[in-house]
């Protein structure tokens, strides 16, 4: 299946890789079907691209590459909605807000995207009563964690 994308033009995708967001994503509630497209060779950054709207794409990353102590609980409603049976089925992503220069880029740790790899269902989970921020800098204390992450891949 071919789709038009925000960052890569027309691309061929495997329909088996489509991720369903039963409730959409906050701000994009109409968009229910997405695919993850690698942005860089090391696959640290991905484009979460709407299958049906080429203008809707979010840059996402594995937050644990940058925030090793990041942790939260997934509520029962999300576990049931995504049919999560095992933590091994779960992938967590954070939406990035890209800045120029890149060192000012931030990650949304307050609303991680929870993806069940087995069912291909996902949800952006809004965390309450947390100290995590929606714009957490990914560069910490002058350390370039992106370079650190790249050196580990």
Foldseek 3Di string as FASTA:
>chain_A
DWAQAQPPGIDDDDPVQWAAAPQAAVVGRVQGTWHWAADDPVSQWTWGTGRVDRNDTFIKGQCCLQVVPQDDDDDPVQCVVQVDDDPVQKGKIWTWDADVVRQQIFTQSQFIKIARNVSSYIYGHGHPPDPTHGGHGSAPPNHDSVVVSVVVD
